[in-house]
Amino acid sequence: MLRQVTPGRYDAYEALLRALATPTAGQVWMLLWHGQAGSPDAQYGNMEVDGHGYAPCVTSAQELSASGWNRSYEVVDAVDVARTLYPDHYGLWLNPHAPGGGVGIPWLDLRRIATGLDRQPAGPLRLSEPGIEIPQFYALLAQNAHRTPAVRSLRRAWVQPALGAPYLAIGLDVYDASPAAVDSVRAMMQQSIGAVPDGLPVSTVAMSDEYDPVAMWMRANARPFYDREAHAAAPAQAPAAGYGYPPAQGRY
């Protein structure tokens, strides 16, 4: 699988991620810079590529021998390694000694391995303002959000994954994440989704998720199309046509 991963071959790369996410079958040999396997002072090696940190590993005992590594190592499931590395924004680099330099798995993809590949879109993602006009949906969603006290604000983005269909993402900024609040927000979406045109996929993302790439993009680039606090502070007036939605750009 590693030999099949080349620039633009996202299908081969995704197959590699699935292999790594398979318990026992996705084992890797983590290279330890300090300490012994299982000891409190054990520390993975680290390397930097294009300004991003990675922990190096090899994919078999044979590759370990070929690498010439003469310090300690530990054999672990890649899922466990992913859970350890991604919160610190560290990726995993497979077989850096191999011809061509091996393959790097960025931390965002380690997060996908750790939390479930099918729960997150396949990167790299192309993110933009949505270019499809559905003012009825946004109007209904804003009305239902105003009746849902848990909701602080709503944002939106058009997400084009490397693999799979593009979709509309709704960013949910809530005041609290209690079970009752989560249920009320889920009901809000269910009450609103009927206004979405047939065939348009819609997903939600928690704005509080500091690791989610869609939420990160929205925080930096998307103004709320519903903001409870701004709404409360503004004088009463008729809503703008389309709730301020940008004009169609001739594309989805």
C-alpha atoms as a PDB file:
ATOM      1  CA  MET A   1       0.000   0.000   0.000  1.00  0.00           C
ATOM      2  CA  LEU A   2       2.823   2.404   0.786  1.00  0.00           C
ATOM      3  CA  ARG A   3       4.250   1.945  -2.704  1.00  0.00           C
ATOM      4  CA  GLN A   4       0.867   2.782  -4.226  1.00  0.00           C
ATOM      5  CA  VAL A   5       0.542   6.113  -2.400  1.00  0.00           C
ATOM      6  CA  THR A   6       1.658   8.827  -4.800  1.00  0.00           C
ATOM      7  CA  PRO A   7       0.615  12.486  -5.191  1.00  0.00           C
ATOM      8  CA  GLY A   8      -3.039  12.652  -6.198  1.00  0.00           C
ATOM      9  CA  ARG A   9      -3.775   8.990  -5.436  1.00  0.00           C
ATOM     10  CA  TYR A  10      -6.221   9.736  -2.655  1.00  0.00           C
ATOM     11  CA  ASP A  11      -7.880   6.347  -3.074  1.00  0.00           C
ATOM     12  CA  ALA A  12      -4.602   4.558  -2.324  1.00  0.00           C
ATOM     13  CA  TYR A  13      -3.920   6.885   0.596  1.00  0.00           C
ATOM     14  CA  GLU A  14      -7.402   6.258   2.022  1.00  0.00           C
ATOM     15  CA  ALA A  15      -6.830   2.489   1.724  1.00  0.00           C
ATOM     16  CA  LEU A  16      -3.608   2.938   3.709  1.00  0.00           C
ATOM     17  CA  LEU A  17      -5.472   4.841   6.427  1.00  0.00           C
ATOM     18  CA  ARG A  18      -8.045   2.024   6.643  1.00  0.00           C
ATOM     19  CA  ALA A  19      -5.274  -0.543   7.030  1.00  0.00           C
ATOM     20  CA  LEU A  20      -3.699   1.508   9.827  1.00  0.00           C
ATOM     21  CA  ALA A  21      -7.089   1.861  11.533  1.00  0.00           C
ATOM     22  CA  THR A  22      -7.565  -1.934  11.674  1.00  0.00           C
ATOM     23  CA  PRO A  23      -6.670  -3.285  15.165  1.00  0.00           C
ATOM     24  CA  THR A  24      -3.690  -5.705  15.227  1.00  0.00           C
ATOM     25  CA  ALA A  25      -3.351  -5.534  11.424  1.00  0.00           C
ATOM     26  CA  GLY A  26      -2.414  -1.853  11.664  1.00  0.00           C
ATOM     27  CA  GLN A  27       0.570  -2.277  13.982  1.00  0.00           C
ATOM     28  CA  VAL A  28       3.592  -0.025  13.655  1.00  0.00           C
ATOM     29  CA  TRP A  29       7.092  -0.113  15.140  1.00  0.00           C
ATOM     30  CA  MET A  30       7.509   3.233  16.916  1.00  0.00           C
ATOM     31  CA  LEU A  31      11.108   4.422  17.126  1.00  0.00           C
ATOM     32  CA  LEU A  32      12.040   5.523  20.652  1.00  0.00           C
ATOM     33  CA  TRP A  33      14.527   8.366  20.985  1.00  0.00           C
ATOM     34  CA  HIS A  34      14.730   7.923  24.766  1.00  0.00           C
ATOM     35  CA  GLY A  35      13.945   5.085  27.159  1.00  0.00           C
ATOM     36  CA  GLN A  36      12.675   1.560  26.660  1.00  0.00           C
ATOM     37  CA  ALA A  37       9.280   0.271  25.551  1.00  0.00           C
ATOM     38  CA  GLY A  38       6.853   0.502  28.475  1.00  0.00           C
ATOM     39  CA  SER A  39       9.125   2.639  30.644  1.00  0.00           C
ATOM     40  CA  PRO A  40       7.923   6.002  32.030  1.00  0.00           C
ATOM     41  CA  ASP A  41      10.718   7.885  30.255  1.00  0.00           C
ATOM     42  CA  ALA A  42      10.025   6.361  26.837  1.00  0.00           C
ATOM     43  CA  GLN A  43       9.841   9.098  24.203  1.00  0.00           C
ATOM     44  CA  TYR A  44       9.054   8.809  20.517  1.00  0.00           C
ATOM     45  CA  GLY A  45      11.449  10.267  18.011  1.00  0.00           C
ATOM     46  CA  ASN A  46      10.380  13.370  16.140  1.00  0.00           C
ATOM     47  CA  MET A  47      11.056  14.901  12.779  1.00  0.00           C
ATOM     48  CA  GLU A  48       9.882  18.062  11.035  1.00  0.00           C
ATOM     49  CA  VAL A  49       8.668  18.228   7.430  1.00  0.00           C
ATOM     50  CA  ASP A  50       7.516  21.527   5.903  1.00  0.00           C
ATOM     51  CA  GLY A  51       7.130  23.006   9.372  1.00  0.00           C
ATOM     52  CA  HIS A  52       4.961  20.169  10.716  1.00  0.00           C
ATOM     53  CA  GLY A  53       5.975  17.647  13.395  1.00  0.00           C
ATOM     54  CA  TYR A  54       5.871  13.877  12.881  1.00  0.00           C
ATOM     55  CA  ALA A  55       6.855  10.838  14.921  1.00  0.00           C
ATOM     56  CA  PRO A  56       8.805   8.338  12.776  1.00  0.00           C
ATOM     57  CA  CYS A  57       7.945   4.639  12.681  1.00  0.00           C
ATOM     58  CA  VAL A  58       8.469   1.569  10.517  1.00  0.00           C
ATOM     59  CA  THR A  59       5.871  -0.910   9.337  1.00  0.00           C
ATOM     60  CA  SER A  60       7.493  -4.295  10.017  1.00  0.00           C
ATOM     61  CA  ALA A  61      10.405  -6.069  11.663  1.00  0.00           C
ATOM     62  CA  GLN A  62      12.038  -6.273   8.223  1.00  0.00           C
ATOM     63  CA  GLU A  63      11.748  -2.515   7.744  1.00  0.00           C
ATOM     64  CA  LEU A  64      13.157  -2.000  11.231  1.00  0.00           C
ATOM     65  CA  SER A  65      16.222  -4.004  10.241  1.00  0.00           C
ATOM     66  CA  ALA A  66      16.526  -2.133   6.938  1.00  0.00           C
ATOM     67  CA  SER A  67      16.312   1.228   8.712  1.00  0.00           C
ATOM     68  CA  GLY A  68      19.443   0.613  10.780  1.00  0.00           C
ATOM     69  CA  TRP A  69      17.718   1.928  13.911  1.00  0.00           C
ATOM     70  CA  ASN A  70      19.839   0.903  16.897  1.00  0.00           C
ATOM     71  CA  ARG A  71      17.806   2.304  19.777  1.00  0.00           C
ATOM     72  CA  SER A  72      14.677   0.911  21.365  1.00  0.00           C
ATOM     73  CA  TYR A  73      11.268   0.634  19.767  1.00  0.00           C
ATOM     74  CA  GLU A  74       7.763  -0.469  20.677  1.00  0.00           C
ATOM     75  CA  VAL A  75       5.164  -2.286  18.595  1.00  0.00           C
ATOM     76  CA  VAL A  76       1.687  -0.761  18.992  1.00  0.00           C
ATOM     77  CA  ASP A  77      -1.588  -0.395  17.105  1.00  0.00           C
ATOM     78  CA  ALA A  78      -1.629   2.692  14.920  1.00  0.00           C
ATOM     79  CA  VAL A  79      -5.032   3.614  16.409  1.00  0.00           C
ATOM     80  CA  ASP A  80      -3.411   3.941  19.864  1.00  0.00           C
ATOM     81  CA  VAL A  81      -0.533   5.968  18.406  1.00  0.00           C
ATOM     82  CA  ALA A  82      -3.017   8.228  16.621  1.00  0.00           C
ATOM     83  CA  ARG A  83      -4.875   8.917  19.873  1.00  0.00           C
ATOM     84  CA  THR A  84      -1.573   9.869  21.514  1.00  0.00           C
ATOM     85  CA  LEU A  85      -0.193  12.096  18.759  1.00  0.00           C
ATOM     86  CA  TYR A  86      -3.025  14.079  17.185  1.00  0.00           C
ATOM     87  CA  PRO A  87      -3.973  16.215  20.246  1.00  0.00           C
ATOM     88  CA  ASP A  88      -0.440  17.653  20.118  1.00  0.00           C
ATOM     89  CA  HIS A  89      -0.744  18.261  16.346  1.00  0.00           C
ATOM     90  CA  TYR A  90       1.836  15.565  15.598  1.00  0.00           C
ATOM     91  CA  GLY A  91       1.588  13.293  12.572  1.00  0.00           C
ATOM     92  CA  LEU A  92       3.054   9.852  11.911  1.00  0.00           C
ATOM     93  CA  TRP A  93       5.768   9.221   9.314  1.00  0.00           C
ATOM     94  CA  LEU A  94       5.981   5.688   7.922  1.00  0.00           C
ATOM     95  CA  ASN A  95       9.351   4.243   6.846  1.00  0.00           C
ATOM     96  CA  PRO A  96      11.348   7.475   6.503  1.00  0.00           C
ATOM     97  CA  HIS A  97      14.389   5.359   5.511  1.00  0.00           C
ATOM     98  CA  ALA A  98      12.636   3.933   2.421  1.00  0.00           C
ATOM     99  CA  PRO A  99      13.484   5.074  -1.125  1.00  0.00           C
ATOM    100  CA  GLY A 100      11.557   8.273  -1.730  1.00  0.00           C
ATOM    101  CA  GLY A 101      11.379   9.046   1.983  1.00  0.00           C
ATOM    102  CA  GLY A 102       8.315   7.059   3.036  1.00  0.00           C
ATOM    103  CA  VAL A 103       4.809   8.443   3.631  1.00  0.00           C
ATOM    104  CA  GLY A 104       3.615  11.019   6.155  1.00  0.00           C
ATOM    105  CA  ILE A 105       0.197  10.897   7.840  1.00  0.00           C
ATOM    106  CA  PRO A 106      -0.721  14.435   9.011  1.00  0.00           C
ATOM    107  CA  TRP A 107      -2.272  14.884  12.440  1.00  0.00           C
ATOM    108  CA  LEU A 108      -5.713  15.647  10.990  1.00  0.00           C
ATOM    109  CA  ASP A 109      -5.746  12.191   9.406  1.00  0.00           C
ATOM    110  CA  LEU A 110      -4.518  10.639  12.657  1.00  0.00           C
ATOM    111  CA  ARG A 111      -7.594  12.230  14.235  1.00  0.00           C
ATOM    112  CA  ARG A 112      -9.722  10.468  11.648  1.00  0.00           C
ATOM    113  CA  ILE A 113      -8.016   7.154  12.487  1.00  0.00           C
ATOM    114  CA  ALA A 114      -8.519   7.759  16.213  1.00  0.00           C
ATOM    115  CA  THR A 115     -12.177   8.782  16.031  1.00  0.00           C
ATOM    116  CA  GLY A 116     -13.400   6.766  13.035  1.00  0.00           C
ATOM    117  CA  LEU A 117     -12.541   7.333   9.377  1.00  0.00           C
ATOM    118  CA  ASP A 118     -16.155   7.484   8.258  1.00  0.00           C
ATOM    119  CA  ARG A 119     -17.038  10.159  10.816  1.00  0.00           C
ATOM    120  CA  GLN A 120     -14.756  12.767   9.213  1.00  0.00           C
ATOM    121  CA  PRO A 121     -14.403  13.808   5.537  1.00  0.00           C
ATOM    122  CA  ALA A 122     -11.328  12.671   3.626  1.00  0.00           C
ATOM    123  CA  GLY A 123      -8.750  15.421   3.232  1.00  0.00           C
ATOM    124  CA  PRO A 124      -7.314  17.538   1.893  1.00  0.00           C
ATOM    125  CA  LEU A 125     -10.536  19.536   2.061  1.00  0.00           C
ATOM    126  CA  ARG A 126     -11.516  22.434  -0.162  1.00  0.00           C
ATOM    127  CA  LEU A 127     -13.543  24.845   1.960  1.00  0.00           C
ATOM    128  CA  SER A 128     -15.462  27.895   0.785  1.00  0.00           C
ATOM    129  CA  GLU A 129     -18.594  29.946   1.259  1.00  0.00           C
ATOM    130  CA  PRO A 130     -21.551  27.982  -0.133  1.00  0.00           C
ATOM    131  CA  GLY A 131     -22.430  29.037  -3.665  1.00  0.00           C
ATOM    132  CA  ILE A 132     -25.927  27.555  -3.780  1.00  0.00           C
ATOM    133  CA  GLU A 133     -28.866  29.747  -2.773  1.00  0.00           C
ATOM    134  CA  ILE A 134     -31.301  28.113  -0.356  1.00  0.00           C
ATOM    135  CA  PRO A 135     -32.687  31.116   1.579  1.00  0.00           C
ATOM    136  CA  GLN A 136     -35.781  29.198   2.732  1.00  0.00           C
ATOM    137  CA  PHE A 137     -33.615  26.688   4.592  1.00  0.00           C
ATOM    138  CA  TYR A 138     -31.486  29.370   6.230  1.00  0.00           C
ATOM    139  CA  ALA A 139     -34.560  31.375   7.204  1.00  0.00           C
ATOM    140  CA  LEU A 140     -36.263  28.347   8.777  1.00  0.00           C
ATOM    141  CA  LEU A 141     -33.065  27.255  10.500  1.00  0.00           C
ATOM    142  CA  ALA A 142     -32.523  30.747  11.932  1.00  0.00           C
ATOM    143  CA  GLN A 143     -36.125  30.856  13.197  1.00  0.00           C
ATOM    144  CA  ASN A 144     -35.778  27.453  14.858  1.00  0.00           C
ATOM    145  CA  ALA A 145     -32.393  28.404  16.309  1.00  0.00           C
ATOM    146  CA  HIS A 146     -33.968  31.494  17.876  1.00  0.00           C
ATOM    147  CA  ARG A 147     -36.477  29.187  19.587  1.00  0.00           C
ATOM    148  CA  THR A 148     -33.667  26.901  20.810  1.00  0.00           C
ATOM    149  CA  PRO A 149     -32.014  28.611  23.825  1.00  0.00           C
ATOM    150  CA  ALA A 150     -28.921  26.376  23.679  1.00  0.00           C
ATOM    151  CA  VAL A 151     -27.847  27.880  20.322  1.00  0.00           C
ATOM    152  CA  ARG A 152     -25.543  30.909  20.377  1.00  0.00           C
ATOM    153  CA  SER A 153     -24.823  31.188  16.637  1.00  0.00           C
ATOM    154  CA  LEU A 154     -24.773  29.325  13.317  1.00  0.00           C
ATOM    155  CA  ARG A 155     -22.194  29.375  10.523  1.00  0.00           C
ATOM    156  CA  ARG A 156     -21.950  27.589   7.182  1.00  0.00           C
ATOM    157  CA  ALA A 157     -19.349  26.253   4.725  1.00  0.00           C
ATOM    158  CA  TRP A 158     -19.228  24.284   1.498  1.00  0.00           C
ATOM    159  CA  VAL A 159     -16.970  21.249   1.965  1.00  0.00           C
ATOM    160  CA  GLN A 160     -15.396  19.362  -0.940  1.00  0.00           C
ATOM    161  CA  PRO A 161     -13.560  16.264   0.373  1.00  0.00           C
ATOM    162  CA  ALA A 162     -10.736  14.586  -1.539  1.00  0.00           C
ATOM    163  CA  LEU A 163     -13.039  11.568  -1.881  1.00  0.00           C
ATOM    164  CA  GLY A 164     -16.824  11.551  -1.703  1.00  0.00           C
ATOM    165  CA  ALA A 165     -19.573  14.044  -2.486  1.00  0.00           C
ATOM    166  CA  PRO A 166     -19.370  17.731  -1.488  1.00  0.00           C
ATOM    167  CA  TYR A 167     -21.791  18.865   1.194  1.00  0.00           C
ATOM    168  CA  LEU A 168     -23.093  21.832   3.153  1.00  0.00           C
ATOM    169  CA  ALA A 169     -21.758  22.042   6.712  1.00  0.00           C
ATOM    170  CA  ILE A 170     -23.612  23.933   9.436  1.00  0.00           C
ATOM    171  CA  GLY A 171     -21.422  25.081  12.322  1.00  0.00           C
ATOM    172  CA  LEU A 172     -23.213  24.886  15.681  1.00  0.00           C
ATOM    173  CA  ASP A 173     -22.027  27.212  18.441  1.00  0.00           C
ATOM    174  CA  VAL A 174     -23.886  26.319  21.645  1.00  0.00           C
ATOM    175  CA  TYR A 175     -23.890  27.649  25.196  1.00  0.00           C
ATOM    176  CA  ASP A 176     -23.601  24.220  26.796  1.00  0.00           C
ATOM    177  CA  ALA A 177     -23.236  20.588  25.766  1.00  0.00           C
ATOM    178  CA  SER A 178     -25.567  18.966  28.281  1.00  0.00           C
ATOM    179  CA  PRO A 179     -27.662  16.039  27.016  1.00  0.00           C
ATOM    180  CA  ALA A 180     -30.798  18.189  27.081  1.00  0.00           C
ATOM    181  CA  ALA A 181     -29.080  20.933  25.043  1.00  0.00           C
ATOM    182  CA  VAL A 182     -27.758  18.392  22.519  1.00  0.00           C
ATOM    183  CA  ASP A 183     -31.253  16.921  22.130  1.00  0.00           C
ATOM    184  CA  SER A 184     -32.766  20.363  21.557  1.00  0.00           C
ATOM    185  CA  VAL A 185     -30.189  21.195  18.867  1.00  0.00           C
ATOM    186  CA  ARG A 186     -30.770  17.833  17.170  1.00  0.00           C
ATOM    187  CA  ALA A 187     -34.517  18.551  17.157  1.00  0.00           C
ATOM    188  CA  MET A 188     -33.833  22.006  15.681  1.00  0.00           C
ATOM    189  CA  MET A 189     -31.953  20.451  12.767  1.00  0.00           C
ATOM    190  CA  GLN A 190     -34.654  17.818  12.216  1.00  0.00           C
ATOM    191  CA  GLN A 191     -37.337  20.518  12.121  1.00  0.00           C
ATOM    192  CA  SER A 192     -35.345  22.516   9.556  1.00  0.00           C
ATOM    193  CA  ILE A 193     -33.892  19.877   7.231  1.00  0.00           C
ATOM    194  CA  GLY A 194     -37.153  19.499   5.290  1.00  0.00           C
ATOM    195  CA  ALA A 195     -36.433  22.843   3.595  1.00  0.00           C
ATOM    196  CA  VAL A 196     -33.220  21.484   2.043  1.00  0.00           C
ATOM    197  CA  PRO A 197     -33.547  20.621  -1.674  1.00  0.00           C
ATOM    198  CA  ASP A 198     -33.539  16.899  -2.455  1.00  0.00           C
ATOM    199  CA  GLY A 199     -30.070  15.512  -3.043  1.00  0.00           C
ATOM    200  CA  LEU A 200     -28.170  18.203  -1.117  1.00  0.00           C
ATOM    201  CA  PRO A 201     -26.193  16.579   1.710  1.00  0.00           C
ATOM    202  CA  VAL A 202     -26.067  18.560   4.950  1.00  0.00           C
ATOM    203  CA  SER A 203     -23.854  17.860   7.955  1.00  0.00           C
ATOM    204  CA  THR A 204     -23.235  19.619  11.251  1.00  0.00           C
ATOM    205  CA  VAL A 205     -20.027  20.421  13.078  1.00  0.00           C
ATOM    206  CA  ALA A 206     -19.491  21.612  16.645  1.00  0.00           C
ATOM    207  CA  MET A 207     -17.754  24.995  16.673  1.00  0.00           C
ATOM    208  CA  SER A 208     -16.237  24.040  20.043  1.00  0.00           C
ATOM    209  CA  ASP A 209     -14.186  21.245  18.404  1.00  0.00           C
ATOM    210  CA  GLU A 210     -10.701  22.751  18.303  1.00  0.00           C
ATOM    211  CA  TYR A 211      -9.387  19.897  16.128  1.00  0.00           C
ATOM    212  CA  ASP A 212     -12.035  19.853  13.410  1.00  0.00           C
ATOM    213  CA  PRO A 213     -10.735  21.424  10.155  1.00  0.00           C
ATOM    214  CA  VAL A 214     -14.199  22.587   9.063  1.00  0.00           C
ATOM    215  CA  ALA A 215     -14.832  24.272  12.420  1.00  0.00           C
ATOM    216  CA  MET A 216     -11.366  25.861  12.289  1.00  0.00           C
ATOM    217  CA  TRP A 217     -12.086  27.269   8.827  1.00  0.00           C
ATOM    218  CA  MET A 218     -15.472  28.603   9.912  1.00  0.00           C
ATOM    219  CA  ARG A 219     -14.015  30.332  12.972  1.00  0.00           C
ATOM    220  CA  ALA A 220     -11.466  32.099  10.775  1.00  0.00           C
ATOM    221  CA  ASN A 221     -13.501  32.792   7.625  1.00  0.00           C
ATOM    222  CA  ALA A 222     -17.271  32.515   8.078  1.00  0.00           C
ATOM    223  CA  ARG A 223     -19.443  35.125   9.763  1.00  0.00           C
ATOM    224  CA  PRO A 224     -22.516  33.762  11.586  1.00  0.00           C
ATOM    225  CA  PHE A 225     -25.731  33.863   9.567  1.00  0.00           C
ATOM    226  CA  TYR A 226     -27.560  33.620  12.897  1.00  0.00           C
ATOM    227  CA  ASP A 227     -26.175  35.238  16.046  1.00  0.00           C
ATOM    228  CA  ARG A 228     -28.459  35.318  19.105  1.00  0.00           C
ATOM    229  CA  GLU A 229     -26.497  38.017  20.930  1.00  0.00           C
ATOM    230  CA  ALA A 230     -26.251  40.301  17.891  1.00  0.00           C
ATOM    231  CA  HIS A 231     -29.936  39.710  17.192  1.00  0.00           C
ATOM    232  CA  ALA A 232     -30.848  40.715  20.750  1.00  0.00           C
ATOM    233  CA  ALA A 233     -28.727  43.884  20.530  1.00  0.00           C
ATOM    234  CA  ALA A 234     -30.069  45.032  17.145  1.00  0.00           C
ATOM    235  CA  PRO A 235     -33.259  47.105  16.755  1.00  0.00           C
ATOM    236  CA  ALA A 236     -36.233  45.232  15.323  1.00  0.00           C
ATOM    237  CA  GLN A 237     -36.276  45.333  11.535  1.00  0.00           C
ATOM    238  CA  ALA A 238     -37.280  43.220   8.570  1.00  0.00           C
ATOM    239  CA  PRO A 239     -34.693  40.543   7.737  1.00  0.00           C
ATOM    240  CA  ALA A 240     -32.523  41.125   4.711  1.00  0.00           C
ATOM    241  CA  ALA A 241     -33.427  39.079   1.657  1.00  0.00           C
ATOM    242  CA  GLY A 242     -31.737  35.696   1.886  1.00  0.00           C
ATOM    243  CA  TYR A 243     -30.397  36.508   5.351  1.00  0.00           C
ATOM    244  CA  GLY A 244     -27.306  38.095   3.850  1.00  0.00           C
ATOM    245  CA  TYR A 245     -26.548  35.062   1.753  1.00  0.00           C
ATOM    246  CA  PRO A 246     -24.006  35.751  -1.047  1.00  0.00           C
ATOM    247  CA  PRO A 247     -25.236  35.671  -4.654  1.00  0.00           C
ATOM    248  CA  ALA A 248     -24.904  32.406  -6.580  1.00  0.00           C
ATOM    249  CA  GLN A 249     -21.578  32.096  -8.385  1.00  0.00           C
ATOM    250  CA  GLY A 250     -22.737  29.617 -10.982  1.00  0.00           C
ATOM    251  CA  ARG A 251     -21.346  26.638  -9.117  1.00  0.00           C
ATOM    252  CA  TYR A 252     -22.104  24.277  -6.257  1.00  0.00           C
END
